[in-house]
Amino acid sequence: MFAISVVVVACPCALGLATPTAVMVATGVGANNGVLIKGGDALEKAQKIEHVIFDKTGTLTQGKATVTTAKVFSGMERGEFLTLVASAEASSEHPLAKAILEYARHFHFFDEPSGAGDAQTHGPESKSYEWLLDTTDFSALPGQGVQCSVGGKRILVGNRKLMIENLVTIPDHVEKFVVELEESAKTGILVAFEHKLVGVLGVADPLKREAVVVIEGLMKIGVGITDVRAEVMPSGKADVIRSFQKDGCVVAMVGDDINDSPALAAVDKTFFRIRLNYIFASAYNIVAISIAAGVLYPWLKIKLPPWVAGACMAMSSVTVVCSSLLLMRYRKPRLTTVLEITVE
């Protein structure tokens, strides 16, 4: 009888269910909170995250750039300057190009409301853009800007790197102006015409309302800002991530939406539940198998009949499943709670 009880009670179902049930429930909870988790591997890696990298445009910012400043540093008229810049950017699909086009259009048609008539068409095909100049030899340079020719004369619109690589000198007073823009959280776009710097545009991309609060919330749970990289080209972002991975660190990249970043804290709860399941399943097998084998029978006359052993085996599996289901009680922390803010 003791042998039969041991065979029955020693079913490893509880150990086998400990991880998959917790992962299944956790992925469901994540989906309810707007976080898609691709299996247990992702959860395991998320638990070991040491660095979280945020993209800026469209992630921390609204992704709706607007031109706030246009300063000419040559004898060129403001209207001519904006026409040249807008003509160069008309063939670009970059969000900054659309902002420049819209700003120049308002300069030429300042009396038109932004939502009226052809203003809904954002491109040179609109009647509102008939004033644009014809361009040739257009090329977009990722992470730098654009270049093209108007009437055989070359135009460069972009950052410092574009100017330096094309041997365009940036005067000290222009550099000072660009630095002032950057210190006020704006992007300075330099414009060169015929190898001479002629002006600068200041473009702002406002922060999302929740960005500051979310970052503060992450800092509260131990995720602080330790490094800031500017003017990183698209191809260079992978290099930045690899630089953090050199020492075997696990890196998370947030490149779209940040509203659910605090939900990463749920990963710790999932692994806590998995460990708890394993502890219970292991403890159950150690205790139940010992009793079923008759260890306590010589002294206390306690034995485990086969039918009781079967019930214990079933209850162990049910208990592990119920333990995993407790993850469904998880609620994404409110930012006011994370930041210890009292709302009256």
Protein backbone atom coordinates (compact mmCIF):
# COMPACT_ATOMS: atom_id res chain seq x y z
CA MET A 1 0.00 0.00 0.00
CA PHE A 2 2.86 2.36 0.82
CA ALA A 3 4.36 1.77 -2.65
CA ILE A 4 1.08 2.52 -4.40
CA SER A 5 0.59 5.70 -2.36
CA VAL A 6 4.11 6.91 -3.28
CA VAL A 7 3.47 6.31 -6.99
CA VAL A 8 0.17 8.19 -6.84
CA VAL A 9 1.30 11.13 -4.71
CA ALA A 10 4.59 11.65 -6.58
CA CYS A 11 2.93 12.87 -9.81
CA PRO A 12 5.04 15.85 -10.98
CA CYS A 13 2.04 17.83 -12.27
CA ALA A 14 2.53 20.67 -9.79
CA LEU A 15 6.17 21.14 -10.83
CA GLY A 16 5.18 21.01 -14.49
CA LEU A 17 2.45 23.62 -14.06
CA ALA A 18 4.46 26.05 -11.92
CA THR A 19 5.97 28.07 -14.78
CA PRO A 20 3.55 27.81 -17.76
CA THR A 21 0.49 28.78 -15.74
CA ALA A 22 2.20 31.85 -14.29
CA VAL A 23 3.52 32.91 -17.71
CA MET A 24 0.10 32.38 -19.34
CA VAL A 25 -1.68 34.52 -16.73
CA ALA A 26 1.05 37.19 -16.77
CA THR A 27 0.90 37.60 -20.55
CA GLY A 28 -2.87 37.99 -20.30
CA VAL A 29 -2.54 40.63 -17.59
CA GLY A 30 0.08 42.42 -19.67
CA ALA A 31 -2.22 42.48 -22.69
CA ASN A 32 -5.01 43.98 -20.57
CA ASN A 33 -2.59 46.74 -19.60
CA GLY A 34 -1.49 47.40 -23.18
CA VAL A 35 1.79 45.43 -22.98
CA LEU A 36 2.26 42.55 -25.42
CA ILE A 37 4.64 39.91 -24.06
CA LYS A 38 6.12 37.42 -26.50
CA GLY A 39 6.34 34.31 -24.35
CA GLY A 40 8.36 33.31 -21.33
CA ASP A 41 11.74 34.24 -22.81
CA ALA A 42 10.73 37.90 -22.96
CA LEU A 43 9.55 37.80 -19.35
CA GLU A 44 12.78 36.17 -18.23
CA LYS A 45 14.88 38.80 -19.99
CA ALA A 46 12.69 41.65 -18.75
CA GLN A 47 13.37 40.60 -15.18
CA LYS A 48 17.10 41.09 -15.78
CA ILE A 49 16.85 44.55 -17.40
CA GLU A 50 19.61 46.89 -16.21
CA HIS A 51 19.23 49.73 -18.73
CA VAL A 52 16.10 51.26 -20.29
CA ILE A 53 16.73 53.35 -23.42
CA PHE A 54 14.10 55.85 -24.55
CA ASP A 55 13.90 57.18 -28.05
CA LYS A 56 13.00 60.88 -27.98
CA THR A 57 10.92 61.82 -31.02
CA GLY A 58 7.40 60.48 -30.76
CA THR A 59 8.18 58.66 -27.51
CA LEU A 60 9.02 61.34 -24.98
CA THR A 61 7.78 64.07 -27.32
CA GLN A 62 4.49 64.48 -29.17
CA GLY A 63 6.08 63.90 -32.57
CA LYS A 64 4.41 67.08 -33.86
CA ALA A 65 7.27 69.44 -34.64
CA THR A 66 6.66 73.14 -35.19
CA VAL A 67 9.02 75.87 -36.32
CA THR A 68 9.32 78.53 -33.64
CA THR A 69 12.23 80.60 -34.96
CA ALA A 70 13.62 81.58 -38.35
CA LYS A 71 16.71 83.78 -38.31
CA VAL A 72 18.59 84.96 -41.40
CA PHE A 73 22.33 85.62 -41.06
CA SER A 74 22.92 87.09 -44.52
CA GLY A 75 21.55 89.84 -46.72
CA MET A 76 18.86 87.48 -47.99
CA GLU A 77 15.26 88.49 -47.36
CA ARG A 78 13.24 86.40 -44.94
CA GLY A 79 10.71 85.40 -47.60
CA GLU A 80 13.42 84.31 -50.02
CA PHE A 81 15.14 82.36 -47.24
CA LEU A 82 11.97 80.48 -46.30
CA THR A 83 11.18 79.78 -49.96
CA LEU A 84 14.61 78.20 -50.48
CA VAL A 85 14.36 76.08 -47.33
CA ALA A 86 10.80 74.95 -48.04
CA SER A 87 11.69 74.08 -51.64
CA ALA A 88 14.56 71.94 -50.44
CA GLU A 89 12.39 70.16 -47.85
CA ALA A 90 9.36 69.68 -50.12
CA SER A 91 10.58 66.27 -51.32
CA SER A 92 11.43 65.02 -47.84
CA GLU A 93 9.13 62.81 -45.77
CA HIS A 94 10.75 63.74 -42.45
CA PRO A 95 8.41 65.26 -39.81
CA LEU A 96 10.68 68.31 -39.54
CA ALA A 97 10.30 68.88 -43.29
CA LYS A 98 6.52 69.03 -42.93
CA ALA A 99 6.88 71.53 -40.09
CA ILE A 100 9.15 73.75 -42.21
CA LEU A 101 6.77 73.59 -45.17
CA GLU A 102 3.83 74.56 -43.00
CA TYR A 103 5.74 77.45 -41.42
CA ALA A 104 6.82 78.81 -44.81
CA ARG A 105 3.29 78.41 -46.17
CA HIS A 106 1.91 80.47 -43.30
CA PHE A 107 4.52 83.12 -43.98
CA HIS A 108 3.38 83.43 -47.60
CA PHE A 109 -0.33 83.02 -46.82
CA PHE A 110 -0.52 84.38 -43.28
CA ASP A 111 -4.10 85.50 -43.78
CA GLU A 112 -5.36 81.93 -44.41
CA PRO A 113 -6.50 79.86 -41.41
CA SER A 114 -4.51 76.63 -41.03
CA GLY A 115 -7.53 74.41 -41.61
CA ALA A 116 -9.02 76.16 -44.64
CA GLY A 117 -9.07 75.18 -48.28
CA ASP A 118 -5.94 73.60 -49.66
CA ALA A 119 -4.17 73.78 -46.32
CA GLN A 120 -5.34 70.24 -45.73
CA THR A 121 -2.95 69.05 -48.43
CA HIS A 122 0.56 69.11 -47.02
CA GLY A 123 2.76 68.95 -50.08
CA PRO A 124 3.92 70.76 -53.22
CA GLU A 125 0.92 69.46 -55.17
CA SER A 126 -1.34 71.85 -53.22
CA LYS A 127 -2.19 75.24 -54.69
CA SER A 128 -0.91 76.76 -51.46
CA TYR A 129 2.57 75.59 -52.47
CA GLU A 130 2.74 76.96 -56.01
CA TRP A 131 5.39 79.40 -54.81
CA LEU A 132 7.90 76.58 -54.26
CA LEU A 133 10.93 76.52 -56.52
CA ASP A 134 11.84 73.59 -58.76
CA THR A 135 14.69 71.51 -57.34
CA THR A 136 17.05 68.94 -58.80
CA ASP A 137 19.55 66.42 -57.42
CA PHE A 138 17.60 66.01 -54.21
CA SER A 139 18.94 63.56 -51.65
CA ALA A 140 18.05 62.89 -48.03
CA LEU A 141 20.98 62.09 -45.75
CA PRO A 142 19.82 60.07 -42.70
CA GLY A 143 20.77 61.74 -39.44
CA GLN A 144 22.07 64.84 -41.21
CA GLY A 145 19.49 66.58 -43.41
CA VAL A 146 18.82 67.13 -47.09
CA GLN A 147 20.62 68.61 -50.08
CA CYS A 148 19.47 69.68 -53.51
CA SER A 149 20.01 72.29 -56.21
CA VAL A 150 17.86 75.26 -57.23
CA GLY A 151 18.78 76.84 -60.53
CA GLY A 152 22.13 75.08 -60.40
CA LYS A 153 22.91 76.43 -56.92
CA ARG A 154 23.35 74.02 -54.04
CA ILE A 155 21.25 74.14 -50.85
CA LEU A 156 22.03 72.27 -47.64
CA VAL A 157 19.48 71.99 -44.82
CA GLY A 158 20.45 70.03 -41.74
CA ASN A 159 22.63 69.78 -38.66
CA ARG A 160 26.23 70.68 -37.89
CA LYS A 161 27.54 67.38 -39.24
CA LEU A 162 26.06 68.10 -42.66
CA MET A 163 27.68 71.52 -42.72
CA ILE A 164 31.07 70.29 -41.56
CA GLU A 165 31.18 67.43 -44.07
CA ASN A 166 30.41 69.90 -46.86
CA LEU A 167 33.07 72.38 -45.65
CA VAL A 168 30.54 75.04 -44.69
CA THR A 169 31.94 77.34 -42.01
CA ILE A 170 29.69 78.00 -39.00
CA PRO A 171 30.46 81.49 -37.62
CA ASP A 172 30.75 81.87 -33.85
CA HIS A 173 27.64 84.03 -33.54
CA VAL A 174 25.61 81.44 -35.45
CA GLU A 175 26.97 78.63 -33.27
CA LYS A 176 26.02 80.64 -30.19
CA PHE A 177 22.48 81.08 -31.52
CA VAL A 178 22.15 77.33 -32.20
CA VAL A 179 23.41 76.51 -28.68
CA GLU A 180 20.79 78.87 -27.24
CA LEU A 181 18.11 77.02 -29.20
CA GLU A 182 19.35 73.66 -27.93
CA GLU A 183 19.43 74.89 -24.33
CA SER A 184 15.76 75.82 -24.71
CA ALA A 185 14.93 72.26 -25.88
CA LYS A 186 14.72 73.16 -29.56
CA THR A 187 16.46 71.70 -32.60
CA GLY A 188 18.62 74.05 -34.59
CA ILE A 189 18.46 73.47 -38.36
CA LEU A 190 21.22 75.17 -40.32
CA VAL A 191 20.75 76.32 -43.90
CA ALA A 192 23.59 76.86 -46.37
CA PHE A 193 23.28 78.30 -49.87
CA GLU A 194 26.20 78.08 -52.27
CA HIS A 195 28.55 76.85 -49.48
CA LYS A 196 27.70 79.82 -47.26
CA LEU A 197 25.60 79.58 -44.11
CA VAL A 198 22.61 81.88 -44.56
CA GLY A 199 20.24 81.13 -41.70
CA VAL A 200 18.94 78.92 -38.90
CA LEU A 201 15.53 77.50 -38.08
CA GLY A 202 14.48 76.59 -34.55
CA VAL A 203 12.13 73.61 -34.32
CA ALA A 204 10.35 72.50 -31.15
CA ASP A 205 8.72 69.14 -30.49
CA PRO A 206 6.82 69.55 -27.20
CA LEU A 207 7.08 66.88 -24.55
CA LYS A 208 4.09 64.67 -23.97
CA ARG A 209 2.18 65.76 -20.90
CA GLU A 210 2.85 62.47 -19.15
CA ALA A 211 6.54 62.17 -20.14
CA VAL A 212 7.97 64.00 -17.14
CA VAL A 213 5.66 62.21 -14.73
CA VAL A 214 6.51 58.78 -16.17
CA ILE A 215 10.25 59.44 -16.02
CA GLU A 216 9.91 60.57 -12.41
CA GLY A 217 7.89 57.44 -11.71
CA LEU A 218 10.61 55.23 -13.18
CA MET A 219 13.21 57.04 -11.07
CA LYS A 220 11.11 56.31 -8.00
CA ILE A 221 11.33 52.58 -8.71
CA GLY A 222 15.08 52.76 -9.27
CA VAL A 223 15.36 53.54 -13.00
CA GLY A 224 17.30 56.80 -13.24
CA ILE A 225 18.61 58.90 -16.13
CA THR A 226 22.37 58.35 -16.37
CA ASP A 227 23.17 59.03 -20.03
CA VAL A 228 21.82 61.28 -22.78
CA ARG A 229 22.83 60.92 -26.44
CA ALA A 230 22.01 63.61 -29.00
CA GLU A 231 22.04 63.64 -32.81
CA VAL A 232 22.26 59.85 -33.01
CA MET A 233 21.63 58.63 -36.55
CA PRO A 234 19.13 55.80 -37.08
CA SER A 235 21.91 53.35 -37.83
CA GLY A 236 23.77 54.52 -34.73
CA LYS A 237 20.96 53.64 -32.32
CA ALA A 238 21.80 49.94 -32.58
CA ASP A 239 25.44 50.78 -31.83
CA VAL A 240 24.38 52.67 -28.70
CA ILE A 241 22.40 49.67 -27.50
CA ARG A 242 25.31 47.32 -28.22
CA SER A 243 27.62 49.59 -26.20
CA PHE A 244 25.43 49.00 -23.14
CA GLN A 245 25.31 45.26 -23.83
CA LYS A 246 29.08 44.80 -23.88
CA ASP A 247 29.29 43.70 -20.26
CA GLY A 248 26.41 41.30 -20.58
CA CYS A 249 23.80 43.83 -19.47
CA VAL A 250 20.20 43.35 -20.57
CA VAL A 251 18.86 46.48 -22.30
CA ALA A 252 15.24 47.46 -22.93
CA MET A 253 14.36 49.85 -25.77
CA VAL A 254 11.25 52.04 -25.55
CA GLY A 255 10.63 53.51 -28.97
CA ASP A 256 6.94 54.08 -29.32
CA ASP A 257 4.72 54.63 -26.29
CA ILE A 258 5.78 55.23 -22.70
CA ASN A 259 2.44 55.18 -20.92
CA ASP A 260 2.81 51.55 -19.86
CA SER A 261 6.47 51.59 -18.83
CA PRO A 262 5.65 51.24 -15.11
CA ALA A 263 3.95 47.96 -16.01
CA LEU A 264 7.46 46.48 -16.35
CA ALA A 265 7.30 46.25 -12.58
CA ALA A 266 4.79 43.41 -13.05
CA VAL A 267 7.63 41.21 -14.32
CA ASP A 268 9.03 40.97 -10.78
CA LYS A 269 5.61 39.89 -9.51
CA THR A 270 5.42 37.18 -12.19
CA PHE A 271 8.78 35.68 -11.29
CA PHE A 272 7.97 35.92 -7.60
CA ARG A 273 4.84 33.88 -8.32
CA ILE A 274 6.80 31.31 -10.37
CA ARG A 275 9.31 30.87 -7.53
CA LEU A 276 6.46 30.59 -5.04
CA ASN A 277 4.86 27.89 -7.18
CA TYR A 278 8.12 25.95 -7.34
CA ILE A 279 8.66 26.26 -3.61
CA PHE A 280 5.16 24.96 -2.91
CA ALA A 281 5.42 22.13 -5.47
CA SER A 282 8.82 21.04 -4.15
CA ALA A 283 7.74 21.24 -0.52
CA TYR A 284 4.60 19.27 -1.33
CA ASN A 285 6.57 16.46 -3.01
CA ILE A 286 9.11 16.27 -0.17
CA VAL A 287 6.47 16.12 2.56
CA ALA A 288 3.83 14.05 0.73
CA ILE A 289 6.23 11.43 -0.62
CA SER A 290 7.79 11.02 2.84
CA ILE A 291 4.40 10.51 4.49
CA ALA A 292 3.20 8.20 1.67
CA ALA A 293 6.38 6.11 2.09
CA GLY A 294 5.47 5.57 5.74
CA VAL A 295 8.24 7.62 7.38
CA LEU A 296 5.89 8.69 10.19
CA TYR A 297 4.06 5.35 10.52
CA PRO A 298 6.43 3.66 13.03
CA TRP A 299 6.06 6.52 15.55
CA LEU A 300 2.72 8.24 14.86
CA LYS A 301 0.92 5.49 12.93
CA ILE A 302 0.15 8.06 10.19
CA LYS A 303 -0.25 6.64 6.72
CA LEU A 304 -1.54 7.94 3.41
CA PRO A 305 -4.06 5.63 1.69
CA PRO A 306 -3.95 5.64 -2.15
CA TRP A 307 -7.25 7.53 -2.44
CA VAL A 308 -5.96 10.29 -0.08
CA ALA A 309 -2.68 10.36 -2.03
CA GLY A 310 -4.66 10.88 -5.25
CA ALA A 311 -6.62 13.72 -3.69
CA CYS A 312 -3.40 15.36 -2.45
CA MET A 313 -1.87 15.09 -5.92
CA ALA A 314 -4.91 16.77 -7.49
CA MET A 315 -5.00 19.49 -4.83
CA SER A 316 -1.34 20.30 -5.40
CA SER A 317 -2.02 21.01 -9.08
CA VAL A 318 -5.13 23.03 -8.28
CA THR A 319 -3.21 25.05 -5.70
CA VAL A 320 -0.44 25.92 -8.18
CA VAL A 321 -2.99 26.99 -10.79
CA CYS A 322 -4.88 29.12 -8.24
CA SER A 323 -1.60 30.68 -7.12
CA SER A 324 -0.85 31.69 -10.71
CA LEU A 325 -4.36 33.06 -11.16
CA LEU A 326 -3.70 35.45 -8.28
CA LEU A 327 -1.59 37.42 -10.77
CA MET A 328 -4.88 38.58 -12.28
CA ARG A 329 -5.27 40.78 -9.21
CA TYR A 330 -2.32 42.85 -10.40
CA ARG A 331 -3.16 46.46 -11.14
CA LYS A 332 -0.86 48.84 -12.96
CA PRO A 333 0.41 51.34 -10.36
CA ARG A 334 -1.14 54.78 -10.57
CA LEU A 335 1.45 57.47 -11.20
CA THR A 336 0.16 59.40 -8.21
CA THR A 337 0.96 56.36 -6.06
CA VAL A 338 4.40 55.82 -7.59
CA LEU A 339 5.30 59.47 -7.12
CA GLU A 340 3.68 59.61 -3.67
CA ILE A 341 1.39 62.42 -4.79
CA THR A 342 -1.69 63.17 -2.72
CA VAL A 343 -4.68 64.16 -4.84
CA GLU A 344 -7.25 66.19 -2.89
